[in-house]
Amino acid sequence: MHKAIYEELKEVAQRKSLITYKELAGVVGLDWNKDYGKCRQIFSVLGAVSISEVQQGHPMLSAIAVRQDTRIPGPGFFTLARDLGRYQSGEDYSFWVAERDAAWNLWSSH
């Protein structure tokens, strides 16, 4: 699951686009509406991907994975950003836009 999600995130970032959690579930063969318990594993994978990226000096790649209803990441993204020391507090939306743009810029150049 990790490799498939990571590869999809890179491809989406290269296109400077976003992907919903529901769409990511489909990438790994899960139905968001039927397999929600299993789909929650996606959040752990997104966290692991971002931790790995930050350790390499990159932006949080999970910034491009968003909720379908709000089109921004869920609260776990911001909690992880604080845990990683990338974000203290303030305006979530502004932080997310900057992190999303940084991910887009990095991966669109690859």
C-alpha atoms as a PDB file:
ATOM      1  CA  MET A   1       0.000   0.000   0.000  1.00  0.00           C
ATOM      2  CA  HIS A   2       2.794   2.416   0.895  1.00  0.00           C
ATOM      3  CA  LYS A   3       4.600   2.205  -2.455  1.00  0.00           C
ATOM      4  CA  ALA A   4       1.421   2.578  -4.507  1.00  0.00           C
ATOM      5  CA  ILE A   5       0.317   5.618  -2.526  1.00  0.00           C
ATOM      6  CA  TYR A   6       3.772   7.198  -2.651  1.00  0.00           C
ATOM      7  CA  GLU A   7       3.998   6.746  -6.424  1.00  0.00           C
ATOM      8  CA  GLU A   8       0.503   8.174  -6.920  1.00  0.00           C
ATOM      9  CA  LEU A   9       1.307  11.192  -4.742  1.00  0.00           C
ATOM     10  CA  LYS A  10       4.455  11.892  -6.767  1.00  0.00           C
ATOM     11  CA  GLU A  11       2.527  11.689 -10.049  1.00  0.00           C
ATOM     12  CA  VAL A  12      -0.226  13.964  -8.768  1.00  0.00           C
ATOM     13  CA  ALA A  13       2.336  16.469  -7.480  1.00  0.00           C
ATOM     14  CA  GLN A  14       4.136  16.441 -10.832  1.00  0.00           C
ATOM     15  CA  ARG A  15       0.857  17.548 -12.436  1.00  0.00           C
ATOM     16  CA  LYS A  16       0.401  20.216  -9.724  1.00  0.00           C
ATOM     17  CA  SER A  17      -2.909  18.679  -8.796  1.00  0.00           C
ATOM     18  CA  LEU A  18      -4.670  17.315  -5.707  1.00  0.00           C
ATOM     19  CA  ILE A  19      -6.039  13.881  -4.843  1.00  0.00           C
ATOM     20  CA  THR A  20      -8.776  13.069  -2.361  1.00  0.00           C
ATOM     21  CA  TYR A  21      -8.458  10.446   0.336  1.00  0.00           C
ATOM     22  CA  LYS A  22     -11.295   8.603  -1.404  1.00  0.00           C
ATOM     23  CA  GLU A  23      -9.357   8.585  -4.691  1.00  0.00           C
ATOM     24  CA  LEU A  24      -6.250   7.296  -2.877  1.00  0.00           C
ATOM     25  CA  ALA A  25      -8.329   4.461  -1.471  1.00  0.00           C
ATOM     26  CA  GLY A  26      -9.234   3.501  -5.027  1.00  0.00           C
ATOM     27  CA  VAL A  27      -5.546   3.464  -5.993  1.00  0.00           C
ATOM     28  CA  VAL A  28      -4.972   0.627  -3.523  1.00  0.00           C
ATOM     29  CA  GLY A  29      -8.201  -1.181  -4.408  1.00  0.00           C
ATOM     30  CA  LEU A  30     -10.334  -0.052  -1.477  1.00  0.00           C
ATOM     31  CA  ASP A  31     -13.862   1.311  -1.606  1.00  0.00           C
ATOM     32  CA  TRP A  32     -14.058   4.359   0.680  1.00  0.00           C
ATOM     33  CA  ASN A  33     -17.761   3.758   1.360  1.00  0.00           C
ATOM     34  CA  LYS A  34     -17.493   0.003   2.050  1.00  0.00           C
ATOM     35  CA  ASP A  35     -13.972  -0.399   3.456  1.00  0.00           C
ATOM     36  CA  TYR A  36     -13.685   2.746   5.582  1.00  0.00           C
ATOM     37  CA  GLY A  37     -11.984   0.884   8.440  1.00  0.00           C
ATOM     38  CA  LYS A  38      -9.258  -0.319   6.086  1.00  0.00           C
ATOM     39  CA  CYS A  39      -9.155   3.046   4.341  1.00  0.00           C
ATOM     40  CA  ARG A  40      -8.116   4.711   7.590  1.00  0.00           C
ATOM     41  CA  GLN A  41      -4.749   2.972   7.093  1.00  0.00           C
ATOM     42  CA  ILE A  42      -4.176   5.481   4.306  1.00  0.00           C
ATOM     43  CA  PHE A  43      -3.734   8.201   6.927  1.00  0.00           C
ATOM     44  CA  SER A  44      -0.874   6.263   8.528  1.00  0.00           C
ATOM     45  CA  VAL A  45       0.747   5.798   5.134  1.00  0.00           C
ATOM     46  CA  LEU A  46       0.395   9.502   4.359  1.00  0.00           C
ATOM     47  CA  GLY A  47       2.055  10.294   7.661  1.00  0.00           C
ATOM     48  CA  ALA A  48       4.926   7.897   6.962  1.00  0.00           C
ATOM     49  CA  VAL A  49       5.415   9.396   3.494  1.00  0.00           C
ATOM     50  CA  SER A  50       5.575  12.926   4.883  1.00  0.00           C
ATOM     51  CA  ILE A  51       7.958  11.950   7.679  1.00  0.00           C
ATOM     52  CA  SER A  52      10.268  10.365   5.122  1.00  0.00           C
ATOM     53  CA  GLU A  53      10.063  13.383   2.821  1.00  0.00           C
ATOM     54  CA  VAL A  54      10.773  15.869   5.627  1.00  0.00           C
ATOM     55  CA  GLN A  55      13.761  13.782   6.734  1.00  0.00           C
ATOM     56  CA  GLN A  56      15.121  14.238   3.201  1.00  0.00           C
ATOM     57  CA  GLY A  57      14.649  17.997   3.397  1.00  0.00           C
ATOM     58  CA  HIS A  58      11.511  17.966   1.231  1.00  0.00           C
ATOM     59  CA  PRO A  59       8.060  19.418   1.881  1.00  0.00           C
ATOM     60  CA  MET A  60       5.276  17.217   3.228  1.00  0.00           C
ATOM     61  CA  LEU A  61       4.086  15.338   0.140  1.00  0.00           C
ATOM     62  CA  SER A  62       0.813  14.483   1.871  1.00  0.00           C
ATOM     63  CA  ALA A  63      -0.145  18.162   1.455  1.00  0.00           C
ATOM     64  CA  ILE A  64      -1.662  17.224  -1.890  1.00  0.00           C
ATOM     65  CA  ALA A  65      -3.986  14.617  -0.343  1.00  0.00           C
ATOM     66  CA  VAL A  66      -7.225  16.317   0.671  1.00  0.00           C
ATOM     67  CA  ARG A  67     -10.694  15.764   2.007  1.00  0.00           C
ATOM     68  CA  GLN A  68     -13.339  15.617  -0.690  1.00  0.00           C
ATOM     69  CA  ASP A  69     -15.647  18.080   1.066  1.00  0.00           C
ATOM     70  CA  THR A  70     -13.166  20.828   2.018  1.00  0.00           C
ATOM     71  CA  ARG A  71     -10.436  20.257  -0.592  1.00  0.00           C
ATOM     72  CA  ILE A  72      -7.784  20.692   2.132  1.00  0.00           C
ATOM     73  CA  PRO A  73      -6.088  18.059   4.298  1.00  0.00           C
ATOM     74  CA  GLY A  74      -7.730  16.847   7.468  1.00  0.00           C
ATOM     75  CA  PRO A  75      -6.613  17.752  10.989  1.00  0.00           C
ATOM     76  CA  GLY A  76      -4.050  14.926  11.102  1.00  0.00           C
ATOM     77  CA  PHE A  77      -1.960  16.735   8.495  1.00  0.00           C
ATOM     78  CA  PHE A  78      -1.653  19.808  10.680  1.00  0.00           C
ATOM     79  CA  THR A  79      -0.964  17.745  13.813  1.00  0.00           C
ATOM     80  CA  LEU A  80       1.861  15.944  12.014  1.00  0.00           C
ATOM     81  CA  ALA A  81       3.229  19.259  10.699  1.00  0.00           C
ATOM     82  CA  ARG A  82       3.403  20.556  14.268  1.00  0.00           C
ATOM     83  CA  ASP A  83       4.995  17.297  15.478  1.00  0.00           C
ATOM     84  CA  LEU A  84       7.634  17.618  12.743  1.00  0.00           C
ATOM     85  CA  GLY A  85       8.346  21.220  13.689  1.00  0.00           C
ATOM     86  CA  ARG A  86       7.200  22.561  10.312  1.00  0.00           C
ATOM     87  CA  TYR A  87       4.232  24.465  11.688  1.00  0.00           C
ATOM     88  CA  GLN A  88       3.706  26.007  15.101  1.00  0.00           C
ATOM     89  CA  SER A  89       0.236  27.432  14.909  1.00  0.00           C
ATOM     90  CA  GLY A  90      -1.605  30.153  13.123  1.00  0.00           C
ATOM     91  CA  GLU A  91      -3.530  30.058   9.914  1.00  0.00           C
ATOM     92  CA  ASP A  92      -3.887  26.442   8.756  1.00  0.00           C
ATOM     93  CA  TYR A  93      -4.965  27.372   5.240  1.00  0.00           C
ATOM     94  CA  SER A  94      -1.941  29.590   4.578  1.00  0.00           C
ATOM     95  CA  PHE A  95       0.440  26.941   5.905  1.00  0.00           C
ATOM     96  CA  TRP A  96      -1.193  24.277   3.770  1.00  0.00           C
ATOM     97  CA  VAL A  97      -1.037  26.400   0.587  1.00  0.00           C
ATOM     98  CA  ALA A  98       2.670  27.045   1.135  1.00  0.00           C
ATOM     99  CA  GLU A  99       3.398  23.357   1.786  1.00  0.00           C
ATOM    100  CA  ARG A 100       1.257  22.241  -1.170  1.00  0.00           C
ATOM    101  CA  ASP A 101       2.997  24.710  -3.484  1.00  0.00           C
ATOM    102  CA  ALA A 102       6.415  23.593  -2.246  1.00  0.00           C
ATOM    103  CA  ALA A 103       5.519  19.953  -2.966  1.00  0.00           C
ATOM    104  CA  TRP A 104       4.204  20.876  -6.411  1.00  0.00           C
ATOM    105  CA  ASN A 105       7.348  22.848  -7.220  1.00  0.00           C
ATOM    106  CA  LEU A 106       9.674  20.083  -6.058  1.00  0.00           C
ATOM    107  CA  TRP A 107       7.961  17.229  -7.873  1.00  0.00           C
ATOM    108  CA  SER A 108       7.031  19.109 -11.050  1.00  0.00           C
ATOM    109  CA  SER A 109      10.754  19.618 -11.618  1.00  0.00           C
ATOM    110  CA  HIS A 110      11.447  15.848 -11.466  1.00  0.00           C
END
